[in-house]
Amino acid sequence: MSERPLIDVKEPKSISLTQETQFAPNGIVSRTLVRTERVRVVLFGFSAGQELTEHTSTYEATVQILSGTCEFMLSGKTHQLKAGDFLYMAPNAPHALKATEQFSMLLTLCRP
């Protein structure tokens, strides 16, 4: 997640999340939209069947599902998420996910 952000925070800009979402066959595409000292916003496109193994983050985070569906495991509980769903994660909460179909999400990370 070290790529150059699509939005320079010094210059206000509007983008279309639908148009900016990219998918790769049998892969995961992440695009950093905004990065500041305290906040990072990342747009993800997952192909069906792709997974992120369990991990943690020192950031507070929110996930917004933009399209499709996924299984999101958070602190030992599985959540079936679909377009329009919103999830909050506390810092250091173990989490993982699996794309049950092609889906996209917006991840917002906030330094506590």
Protein backbone atom coordinates (compact mmCIF):
# COMPACT_ATOMS: atom_id res chain seq x y z
CA MET A 1 0.00 0.00 0.00
CA SER A 2 2.85 2.40 -0.74
CA GLU A 3 1.72 3.58 -4.16
CA ARG A 4 1.14 7.24 -4.92
CA PRO A 5 -2.41 8.18 -3.84
CA LEU A 6 -4.96 9.04 -6.53
CA ILE A 7 -5.94 12.17 -4.59
CA ASP A 8 -3.40 14.79 -3.56
CA VAL A 9 -4.78 16.14 -0.27
CA LYS A 10 -3.44 19.60 -1.17
CA GLU A 11 -5.85 19.79 -4.11
CA PRO A 12 -9.56 18.95 -3.65
CA LYS A 13 -10.67 16.33 -6.16
CA SER A 14 -13.67 14.14 -6.81
CA ILE A 15 -13.38 10.63 -8.27
CA SER A 16 -15.80 7.86 -9.21
CA LEU A 17 -15.23 4.79 -7.02
CA THR A 18 -16.97 2.65 -9.64
CA GLN A 19 -14.67 3.86 -12.42
CA GLU A 20 -11.52 3.65 -10.28
CA THR A 21 -12.17 0.09 -9.05
CA GLN A 22 -10.00 -2.44 -10.85
CA PHE A 23 -10.15 -6.24 -10.85
CA ALA A 24 -7.48 -8.74 -11.87
CA PRO A 25 -8.23 -12.32 -12.92
CA ASN A 26 -7.56 -14.50 -9.87
CA GLY A 27 -6.16 -11.57 -7.91
CA ILE A 28 -6.59 -8.58 -5.66
CA VAL A 29 -6.06 -4.99 -6.78
CA SER A 30 -5.55 -2.25 -4.19
CA ARG A 31 -5.35 1.45 -4.98
CA THR A 32 -4.54 4.09 -2.39
CA LEU A 33 -6.96 7.00 -2.77
CA VAL A 34 -5.81 9.22 0.10
CA ARG A 35 -2.84 9.15 2.45
CA THR A 36 -2.15 11.59 5.27
CA GLU A 37 -0.19 11.28 8.49
CA ARG A 38 -3.26 9.89 10.30
CA VAL A 39 -5.58 8.47 7.60
CA ARG A 40 -5.26 6.11 4.65
CA VAL A 41 -8.12 5.23 2.29
CA VAL A 42 -7.68 2.22 0.01
CA LEU A 43 -9.96 0.92 -2.75
CA PHE A 44 -9.86 -2.87 -3.26
CA GLY A 45 -11.10 -5.12 -6.05
CA PHE A 46 -11.15 -8.87 -5.28
CA SER A 47 -11.73 -11.68 -7.76
CA ALA A 48 -14.03 -14.47 -6.58
CA GLY A 49 -12.26 -16.90 -4.24
CA GLN A 50 -9.43 -14.55 -3.27
CA GLU A 51 -8.54 -14.35 0.42
CA LEU A 52 -6.64 -12.25 2.91
CA THR A 53 -5.34 -14.46 5.71
CA GLU A 54 -5.83 -13.48 9.33
CA HIS A 55 -3.82 -10.45 10.39
CA THR A 56 -4.07 -7.40 12.65
CA SER A 57 -3.51 -3.68 12.29
CA THR A 58 -2.62 -1.03 14.83
CA TYR A 59 -5.10 1.30 13.11
CA GLU A 60 -8.81 1.74 13.70
CA ALA A 61 -10.51 0.79 10.45
CA THR A 62 -13.80 0.81 8.62
CA VAL A 63 -14.78 -1.32 5.64
CA GLN A 64 -17.52 -0.35 3.20
CA ILE A 65 -18.60 -2.99 0.70
CA LEU A 66 -19.20 -1.30 -2.66
CA SER A 67 -20.15 -4.29 -4.82
CA GLY A 68 -20.47 -8.07 -4.53
CA THR A 69 -20.17 -10.17 -1.37
CA CYS A 70 -17.55 -11.55 1.00
CA GLU A 71 -17.08 -13.45 4.24
CA PHE A 72 -15.34 -11.21 6.73
CA MET A 73 -13.93 -12.83 9.85
CA LEU A 74 -13.47 -10.38 12.71
CA SER A 75 -12.31 -11.41 16.18
CA GLY A 76 -13.47 -14.99 15.64
CA LYS A 77 -16.91 -14.13 14.23
CA THR A 78 -17.86 -14.48 10.55
CA HIS A 79 -19.86 -11.69 8.91
CA GLN A 80 -21.53 -12.18 5.52
CA LEU A 81 -21.11 -8.75 3.93
CA LYS A 82 -22.73 -7.40 0.77
CA ALA A 83 -22.84 -4.14 -1.16
CA GLY A 84 -23.91 -1.33 1.15
CA ASP A 85 -22.64 -2.98 4.35
CA PHE A 86 -20.29 -1.17 6.75
CA LEU A 87 -17.96 -2.73 9.32
CA TYR A 88 -15.87 -1.16 12.10
CA MET A 89 -12.64 -2.75 13.38
CA ALA A 90 -10.87 -1.74 16.58
CA PRO A 91 -7.07 -1.60 16.58
CA ASN A 92 -5.36 -5.01 16.86
CA ALA A 93 -8.56 -6.96 16.11
CA PRO A 94 -7.68 -10.16 14.21
CA HIS A 95 -9.43 -10.25 10.85
CA ALA A 96 -9.45 -12.09 7.52
CA LEU A 97 -11.70 -12.21 4.48
CA LYS A 98 -12.72 -14.34 1.52
CA ALA A 99 -14.40 -13.14 -1.65
CA THR A 100 -17.50 -15.30 -2.11
CA GLU A 101 -17.89 -13.58 -5.49
CA GLN A 102 -16.11 -10.68 -7.18
CA PHE A 103 -16.41 -7.74 -4.83
CA SER A 104 -15.01 -4.30 -4.09
CA MET A 105 -14.53 -2.47 -0.81
CA LEU A 106 -13.28 0.79 0.57
CA LEU A 107 -10.92 0.46 3.55
CA THR A 108 -10.33 3.50 5.75
CA LEU A 109 -7.49 3.27 8.27
CA CYS A 110 -7.20 5.84 11.07
CA ARG A 111 -4.22 6.11 13.38
CA PRO A 112 -5.56 6.16 16.97
